[in-house]
Amino acid sequence: MDPDARIEQTVVEGPGSSPGKRLTFALSDTDDGRTQVDLTDGPWPEDDPHLPFCNTHWGQVLHNLKSHAEGK
């Protein structure tokens, strides 16, 4: 990826409130030589019943990515 670049995907069809949501993924270098991963998924209405699941799901996905990148 180019510095300060990001990948963005927009959902065009799917169940419930999925259409129109954007998934954005960006990597950047930190001052101490690590890689920062920024992930956004939304917009989400506050009363969407799937929001808690999504929050938990992405936490697990990022944990798995970290473990894979660290060779664990």
C-alpha atoms as a PDB file:
ATOM      1  CA  MET A   1       0.000   0.000   0.000  1.00  0.00           C
ATOM      2  CA  ASP A   2       1.084   3.552  -0.574  1.00  0.00           C
ATOM      3  CA  PRO A   3       1.653   5.631   2.563  1.00  0.00           C
ATOM      4  CA  ASP A   4      -1.605   7.079   3.903  1.00  0.00           C
ATOM      5  CA  ALA A   5      -3.617   4.936   1.472  1.00  0.00           C
ATOM      6  CA  ARG A   6      -6.633   2.893   2.479  1.00  0.00           C
ATOM      7  CA  ILE A   7      -8.917   0.239   1.085  1.00  0.00           C
ATOM      8  CA  GLU A   8     -12.649   0.883   1.235  1.00  0.00           C
ATOM      9  CA  GLN A   9     -15.459  -1.513   0.382  1.00  0.00           C
ATOM     10  CA  THR A  10     -19.127  -0.552   0.216  1.00  0.00           C
ATOM     11  CA  VAL A  11     -21.823  -3.197   0.677  1.00  0.00           C
ATOM     12  CA  VAL A  12     -24.286  -3.040  -2.225  1.00  0.00           C
ATOM     13  CA  GLU A  13     -26.654  -5.823  -1.149  1.00  0.00           C
ATOM     14  CA  GLY A  14     -27.190  -8.099   1.799  1.00  0.00           C
ATOM     15  CA  PRO A  15     -29.430  -8.762   4.767  1.00  0.00           C
ATOM     16  CA  GLY A  16     -30.841  -6.206   7.187  1.00  0.00           C
ATOM     17  CA  SER A  17     -28.999  -2.904   7.356  1.00  0.00           C
ATOM     18  CA  SER A  18     -25.941  -4.192   5.462  1.00  0.00           C
ATOM     19  CA  PRO A  19     -26.457  -2.283   2.188  1.00  0.00           C
ATOM     20  CA  GLY A  20     -24.672   1.056   2.271  1.00  0.00           C
ATOM     21  CA  LYS A  21     -22.219   0.106   5.013  1.00  0.00           C
ATOM     22  CA  ARG A  22     -18.533   0.835   4.356  1.00  0.00           C
ATOM     23  CA  LEU A  23     -15.591  -1.243   5.496  1.00  0.00           C
ATOM     24  CA  THR A  24     -12.344   0.732   5.550  1.00  0.00           C
ATOM     25  CA  PHE A  25      -8.935  -0.826   6.185  1.00  0.00           C
ATOM     26  CA  ALA A  26      -5.736   1.207   6.560  1.00  0.00           C
ATOM     27  CA  LEU A  27      -2.167   0.390   7.643  1.00  0.00           C
ATOM     28  CA  SER A  28       0.317   2.942   8.914  1.00  0.00           C
ATOM     29  CA  ASP A  29       3.740   2.933  10.542  1.00  0.00           C
ATOM     30  CA  THR A  30       4.079   4.018  14.158  1.00  0.00           C
ATOM     31  CA  ASP A  31       7.022   5.971  15.571  1.00  0.00           C
ATOM     32  CA  ASP A  32       8.313   2.867  17.349  1.00  0.00           C
ATOM     33  CA  GLY A  33       8.436   0.716  14.185  1.00  0.00           C
ATOM     34  CA  ARG A  34       5.172  -1.160  14.619  1.00  0.00           C
ATOM     35  CA  THR A  35       2.271  -1.261  12.170  1.00  0.00           C
ATOM     36  CA  GLN A  36      -1.040   0.296  13.143  1.00  0.00           C
ATOM     37  CA  VAL A  37      -4.196  -1.285  11.715  1.00  0.00           C
ATOM     38  CA  ASP A  38      -7.264   0.950  11.488  1.00  0.00           C
ATOM     39  CA  LEU A  39     -10.566  -0.685  10.647  1.00  0.00           C
ATOM     40  CA  THR A  40     -13.948   0.985  10.406  1.00  0.00           C
ATOM     41  CA  ASP A  41     -17.285  -0.648   9.691  1.00  0.00           C
ATOM     42  CA  GLY A  42     -20.367   1.483   9.395  1.00  0.00           C
ATOM     43  CA  PRO A  43     -22.356   3.576   9.654  1.00  0.00           C
ATOM     44  CA  TRP A  44     -24.458   1.704  12.199  1.00  0.00           C
ATOM     45  CA  PRO A  45     -27.774   2.907  13.623  1.00  0.00           C
ATOM     46  CA  GLU A  46     -27.539   2.889  17.432  1.00  0.00           C
ATOM     47  CA  ASP A  47     -30.534   0.557  17.669  1.00  0.00           C
ATOM     48  CA  ASP A  48     -29.252  -2.016  15.139  1.00  0.00           C
ATOM     49  CA  PRO A  49     -29.525  -5.422  16.867  1.00  0.00           C
ATOM     50  CA  HIS A  50     -26.431  -6.713  15.022  1.00  0.00           C
ATOM     51  CA  LEU A  51     -24.077  -4.005  16.309  1.00  0.00           C
ATOM     52  CA  PRO A  52     -22.912  -5.914  19.431  1.00  0.00           C
ATOM     53  CA  PHE A  53     -22.163  -9.003  17.325  1.00  0.00           C
ATOM     54  CA  CYS A  54     -20.209  -6.958  14.771  1.00  0.00           C
ATOM     55  CA  ASN A  55     -18.155  -5.325  17.507  1.00  0.00           C
ATOM     56  CA  THR A  56     -17.269  -8.729  18.986  1.00  0.00           C
ATOM     57  CA  HIS A  57     -16.662 -10.307  15.570  1.00  0.00           C
ATOM     58  CA  TRP A  58     -14.180  -7.643  14.410  1.00  0.00           C
ATOM     59  CA  GLY A  59     -12.343  -7.861  17.734  1.00  0.00           C
ATOM     60  CA  GLN A  60     -11.812 -11.586  17.118  1.00  0.00           C
ATOM     61  CA  VAL A  61     -10.789 -11.007  13.490  1.00  0.00           C
ATOM     62  CA  LEU A  62      -8.148  -8.454  14.522  1.00  0.00           C
ATOM     63  CA  HIS A  63      -6.892 -10.753  17.295  1.00  0.00           C
ATOM     64  CA  ASN A  64      -6.510 -13.582  14.743  1.00  0.00           C
ATOM     65  CA  LEU A  65      -4.676 -11.238  12.334  1.00  0.00           C
ATOM     66  CA  LYS A  66      -2.284 -10.190  15.106  1.00  0.00           C
ATOM     67  CA  SER A  67      -1.614 -13.809  16.078  1.00  0.00           C
ATOM     68  CA  HIS A  68      -0.998 -14.782  12.455  1.00  0.00           C
ATOM     69  CA  ALA A  69       1.338 -11.841  11.837  1.00  0.00           C
ATOM     70  CA  GLU A  70       3.315 -12.702  14.973  1.00  0.00           C
ATOM     71  CA  GLY A  71       3.558 -16.367  13.944  1.00  0.00           C
ATOM     72  CA  LYS A  72       1.571 -17.674  16.907  1.00  0.00           C
END
